[in-house]
Amino acid sequence: MSTPYLTRRSQLETYFDRTAVEAWSRLTSDAPVSKIRATVRAGRDTMRATLLGWLPQDLTGRRLLDAGCGTGALAVEAARRGAEVVAIDVSPTLIGLARERLPAMVGPGSVEFRVGDMLDPWLGRFDHIVAMDSLIHYQAPDIVRALAELSLRTDGSLLFTVAPRTALLTLMHAAGKLFPKADRAPAIVPVTEGGLRRRLAREQALARFAVERTHRVNSGFYLSNAIELRRQKNPSPSAGGGQSR
């Protein structure tokens, strides 16, 4: 991957592993949080449910990559449906929390937590890859390159989220600067869906994938756009563009 991707990944590792561990530990738990962070928690819960709803209800025998798994909530739910989940994150601290929170029984599936880069080819092939809020800190070219690499080992669907470029999100970013510096995440990079679709359509590695559906979640200070790329059996020349639903 490009130097900007690697630089940003290093910043994210520092933030989630050292700077705001306590804040994220509370946000991803049932602990009391501020009203602002409560809207973020609710938004993330809704987005997680959306992405899980786009996966088959029965995941028995399916291999799933939770790319940027954080504390592992999505990975656990997928395992309960029977998936063999590899959950990876750049933050050793978040992976430690995920392992601590892993239920003794996760149903018919399994979860393997790993520290590392979600683009590592040694992770193998997957039926489904989910990248919830793990690409929102990258520029559009790096998002597309990451998706292209992930697509090379995806046999079914690739689900991911981006930060939509809206006036509301711009305002929320400005308000977010009021947070204590130690609690601020590395800047989110908003993208337009139209521009992203055009980039996806031009990426040869994604020629066999089409945009199946999109969905936006807006919950207070949480605004994120989910997109499903699905591998096509007989792709059309414009498969990368797809249609929204």
Protein backbone atom coordinates (compact mmCIF):
# COMPACT_ATOMS: atom_id res chain seq x y z
CA MET A 1 0.00 0.00 0.00
CA SER A 2 0.95 3.65 -0.38
CA THR A 3 2.89 5.72 2.14
CA PRO A 4 -0.23 7.78 3.10
CA TYR A 5 -2.04 4.56 4.02
CA LEU A 6 0.87 3.33 6.13
CA THR A 7 1.26 6.73 7.83
CA ARG A 8 -2.44 6.88 8.69
CA ARG A 9 -2.43 3.29 9.93
CA SER A 10 0.42 4.15 12.29
CA GLN A 11 -1.55 7.16 13.60
CA LEU A 12 -4.60 4.99 14.19
CA GLU A 13 -2.53 2.43 16.06
CA THR A 14 -1.16 5.15 18.34
CA TYR A 15 -4.61 6.62 18.97
CA PHE A 16 -6.48 3.40 19.71
CA ASP A 17 -3.63 1.70 21.52
CA ARG A 18 -2.34 4.56 23.67
CA THR A 19 -4.17 7.88 23.47
CA ALA A 20 -7.86 7.07 23.97
CA VAL A 21 -7.97 3.53 25.31
CA GLU A 22 -10.22 4.37 28.24
CA ALA A 23 -12.63 6.41 26.11
CA TRP A 24 -13.06 3.59 23.59
CA SER A 25 -13.29 0.97 26.30
CA ARG A 26 -16.25 2.85 27.78
CA LEU A 27 -17.84 3.64 24.41
CA THR A 28 -17.87 -0.03 23.40
CA SER A 29 -19.28 -1.20 26.74
CA ASP A 30 -22.44 -0.55 28.75
CA ALA A 31 -20.69 2.04 30.94
CA PRO A 32 -22.29 5.50 31.25
CA VAL A 33 -21.06 8.01 28.67
CA SER A 34 -21.84 11.63 27.77
CA LYS A 35 -24.91 12.47 25.68
CA ILE A 36 -22.73 13.10 22.65
CA ARG A 37 -20.95 9.78 22.94
CA ALA A 38 -24.28 8.06 23.60
CA THR A 39 -25.38 9.09 20.10
CA VAL A 40 -22.14 7.66 18.71
CA ARG A 41 -22.71 4.40 20.59
CA ALA A 42 -26.29 4.18 19.29
CA GLY A 43 -25.14 4.91 15.75
CA ARG A 44 -22.45 2.25 15.87
CA ASP A 45 -24.96 -0.28 17.21
CA THR A 46 -27.33 0.54 14.34
CA MET A 47 -24.56 0.30 11.76
CA ARG A 48 -23.38 -3.03 13.14
CA ALA A 49 -26.92 -4.38 12.93
CA THR A 50 -27.20 -3.10 9.36
CA LEU A 51 -24.03 -4.84 8.21
CA LEU A 52 -24.95 -8.05 10.00
CA GLY A 53 -28.36 -7.84 8.31
CA TRP A 54 -26.63 -7.85 4.92
CA LEU A 55 -24.92 -11.15 5.73
CA PRO A 56 -26.67 -14.54 5.44
CA GLN A 57 -28.55 -15.45 8.60
CA ASP A 58 -26.88 -18.86 8.56
CA LEU A 59 -23.11 -18.47 8.26
CA THR A 60 -22.26 -22.07 9.06
CA GLY A 61 -19.07 -23.05 7.28
CA ARG A 62 -18.46 -19.51 6.01
CA ARG A 63 -15.16 -17.75 6.67
CA LEU A 64 -15.46 -14.06 7.61
CA LEU A 65 -12.86 -11.34 8.14
CA ASP A 66 -13.74 -8.59 10.60
CA ALA A 67 -11.29 -5.98 9.32
CA GLY A 68 -10.64 -3.44 12.04
CA CYS A 69 -12.61 -5.40 14.61
CA GLY A 70 -12.07 -3.12 17.61
CA THR A 71 -13.42 -4.86 20.71
CA GLY A 72 -15.07 -7.62 18.68
CA ALA A 73 -18.84 -7.09 18.95
CA LEU A 74 -19.53 -7.81 15.26
CA ALA A 75 -17.18 -10.79 15.25
CA VAL A 76 -19.04 -12.40 18.16
CA GLU A 77 -22.44 -11.95 16.49
CA ALA A 78 -21.16 -13.48 13.25
CA ALA A 79 -19.74 -16.46 15.17
CA ARG A 80 -23.12 -16.98 16.82
CA ARG A 81 -24.49 -17.53 13.32
CA GLY A 82 -21.87 -20.17 12.65
CA ALA A 83 -19.11 -18.16 10.95
CA GLU A 84 -15.43 -18.93 11.32
CA VAL A 85 -14.28 -15.38 12.09
CA VAL A 86 -10.81 -13.93 11.85
CA ALA A 87 -10.98 -10.57 13.66
CA ILE A 88 -8.00 -8.28 13.20
CA ASP A 89 -7.04 -4.82 14.46
CA VAL A 90 -3.86 -2.73 14.54
CA SER A 91 -4.31 -2.04 18.27
CA PRO A 92 -2.99 -4.69 20.67
CA THR A 93 -4.93 -3.00 23.49
CA LEU A 94 -8.28 -3.25 21.68
CA ILE A 95 -7.57 -6.87 20.78
CA GLY A 96 -6.79 -7.50 24.44
CA LEU A 97 -10.18 -6.04 25.39
CA ALA A 98 -11.86 -8.13 22.70
CA ARG A 99 -10.32 -11.31 24.07
CA GLU A 100 -11.37 -10.38 27.60
CA ARG A 101 -14.95 -9.78 26.48
CA LEU A 102 -15.22 -12.89 24.32
CA PRO A 103 -18.03 -15.05 25.75
CA ALA A 104 -17.16 -18.55 26.85
CA MET A 105 -19.58 -19.83 24.23
CA VAL A 106 -20.07 -18.07 20.88
CA GLY A 107 -22.44 -20.59 19.39
CA PRO A 108 -21.58 -22.91 16.50
CA GLY A 109 -18.89 -20.62 15.05
CA SER A 110 -15.50 -19.45 16.24
CA VAL A 111 -13.52 -16.22 16.66
CA GLU A 112 -9.77 -15.81 16.30
CA PHE A 113 -8.50 -12.38 17.32
CA ARG A 114 -5.28 -11.14 15.75
CA VAL A 115 -3.15 -8.00 15.93
CA GLY A 116 -2.07 -6.77 12.53
CA ASP A 117 -2.99 -5.21 9.19
CA MET A 118 -6.35 -6.10 7.66
CA LEU A 119 -4.67 -6.14 4.23
CA ASP A 120 -2.22 -8.91 5.16
CA PRO A 121 -2.58 -11.53 2.35
CA TRP A 122 -1.53 -14.29 4.73
CA LEU A 123 -4.94 -14.06 6.39
CA GLY A 124 -6.23 -16.16 3.50
CA ARG A 125 -9.52 -16.20 1.59
CA PHE A 126 -12.94 -15.31 2.94
CA ASP A 127 -16.56 -15.66 1.96
CA HIS A 128 -17.32 -12.26 3.45
CA ILE A 129 -15.22 -9.31 4.61
CA VAL A 130 -16.62 -6.57 6.86
CA ALA A 131 -14.77 -3.29 7.45
CA MET A 132 -16.98 -1.23 9.76
CA ASP A 133 -15.62 2.28 10.29
CA SER A 134 -12.08 1.09 9.62
CA LEU A 135 -11.64 2.93 6.30
CA ILE A 136 -13.21 6.24 7.32
CA HIS A 137 -9.84 7.80 8.21
CA TYR A 138 -8.35 7.28 4.72
CA GLN A 139 -8.42 9.32 1.52
CA ALA A 140 -10.61 7.98 -1.29
CA PRO A 141 -7.68 6.62 -3.39
CA ASP A 142 -6.42 4.63 -0.40
CA ILE A 143 -9.94 3.36 0.35
CA VAL A 144 -10.25 2.02 -3.19
CA ARG A 145 -6.78 0.46 -3.14
CA ALA A 146 -7.57 -1.24 0.18
CA LEU A 147 -10.85 -2.58 -1.20
CA ALA A 148 -9.05 -3.79 -4.31
CA GLU A 149 -6.59 -5.78 -2.20
CA LEU A 150 -9.36 -7.20 -0.02
CA SER A 151 -11.41 -8.15 -3.08
CA LEU A 152 -8.64 -10.44 -4.30
CA ARG A 153 -9.48 -12.80 -1.43
CA THR A 154 -13.23 -12.26 -1.17
CA ASP A 155 -15.51 -14.91 -2.69
CA GLY A 156 -18.84 -13.36 -1.68
CA SER A 157 -19.42 -9.85 -0.35
CA LEU A 158 -17.30 -6.98 0.87
CA LEU A 159 -19.12 -4.70 3.33
CA PHE A 160 -17.58 -1.41 4.42
CA THR A 161 -18.43 2.07 5.64
CA VAL A 162 -17.29 5.54 4.64
CA ALA A 163 -17.90 8.99 6.05
CA PRO A 164 -20.29 10.82 3.69
CA ARG A 165 -19.34 14.35 2.72
CA THR A 166 -22.18 16.48 4.05
CA ALA A 167 -22.58 19.92 5.60
CA LEU A 168 -23.74 18.23 8.80
CA LEU A 169 -20.59 16.12 9.06
CA THR A 170 -18.43 19.19 8.48
CA LEU A 171 -20.23 20.93 11.33
CA MET A 172 -19.79 17.90 13.61
CA HIS A 173 -16.07 17.83 12.84
CA ALA A 174 -15.81 21.45 13.89
CA ALA A 175 -17.71 20.74 17.11
CA GLY A 176 -15.55 17.68 17.70
CA LYS A 177 -12.54 19.94 18.09
CA LEU A 178 -14.07 21.00 21.39
CA PHE A 179 -13.28 17.54 22.82
CA PRO A 180 -10.12 17.27 24.92
CA LYS A 181 -7.19 16.72 22.57
CA ALA A 182 -6.42 13.29 24.06
CA ASP A 183 -9.91 12.06 23.20
CA ARG A 184 -9.95 13.12 19.56
CA ALA A 185 -9.64 10.45 16.92
CA PRO A 186 -7.44 10.99 13.85
CA ALA A 187 -9.44 13.05 11.37
CA ILE A 188 -12.24 11.32 9.50
CA VAL A 189 -12.00 11.88 5.74
CA PRO A 190 -15.45 12.47 4.19
CA VAL A 191 -16.01 11.21 0.63
CA THR A 192 -18.88 11.61 -1.81
CA GLU A 193 -20.65 8.43 -2.83
CA GLY A 194 -20.67 9.47 -6.49
CA GLY A 195 -16.95 10.11 -6.53
CA LEU A 196 -16.23 6.86 -4.73
CA ARG A 197 -18.41 4.91 -7.18
CA ARG A 198 -16.48 6.36 -10.10
CA ARG A 199 -13.19 5.33 -8.54
CA LEU A 200 -14.53 1.84 -7.85
CA ALA A 201 -15.67 1.51 -11.46
CA ARG A 202 -12.19 2.39 -12.73
CA GLU A 203 -10.40 -0.12 -10.47
CA GLN A 204 -9.65 -3.25 -12.52
CA ALA A 205 -9.28 -5.45 -9.45
CA LEU A 206 -12.93 -4.71 -8.64
CA ALA A 207 -14.26 -5.49 -12.12
CA ARG A 208 -16.03 -8.59 -10.83
CA PHE A 209 -17.76 -6.66 -8.02
CA ALA A 210 -20.83 -4.44 -8.12
CA VAL A 211 -22.37 -2.10 -5.58
CA GLU A 212 -25.33 -4.11 -4.32
CA ARG A 213 -26.80 -1.59 -1.85
CA THR A 214 -26.01 1.36 0.36
CA HIS A 215 -27.45 2.67 3.62
CA ARG A 216 -26.74 5.76 5.69
CA VAL A 217 -26.89 5.83 9.49
CA ASN A 218 -27.34 9.24 11.14
CA SER A 219 -27.36 9.26 14.93
CA GLY A 220 -26.35 12.55 16.50
CA PHE A 221 -22.57 12.74 16.26
CA TYR A 222 -22.39 9.49 14.29
CA LEU A 223 -22.84 9.70 10.51
CA SER A 224 -21.68 6.85 8.33
CA ASN A 225 -22.56 5.30 4.99
CA ALA A 226 -22.58 1.52 4.52
CA ILE A 227 -21.83 0.02 1.10
CA GLU A 228 -22.01 -3.59 -0.05
CA LEU A 229 -19.81 -4.80 -2.89
CA ARG A 230 -20.82 -8.25 -4.11
CA ARG A 231 -18.90 -10.53 -6.43
CA GLN A 232 -20.80 -11.09 -9.68
CA LYS A 233 -20.85 -14.40 -11.52
CA ASN A 234 -21.10 -12.68 -14.90
CA PRO A 235 -20.00 -9.07 -14.42
CA SER A 236 -21.09 -6.41 -16.87
CA PRO A 237 -18.52 -3.92 -18.27
CA SER A 238 -19.66 -1.36 -15.68
CA ALA A 239 -19.89 -3.79 -12.76
CA GLY A 240 -17.86 -1.58 -10.45
CA GLY A 241 -20.46 1.18 -10.63
CA GLY A 242 -23.53 -0.74 -9.51
CA GLN A 243 -26.86 0.71 -8.42
CA SER A 244 -27.84 1.98 -5.01
CA ARG A 245 -30.98 0.79 -3.27
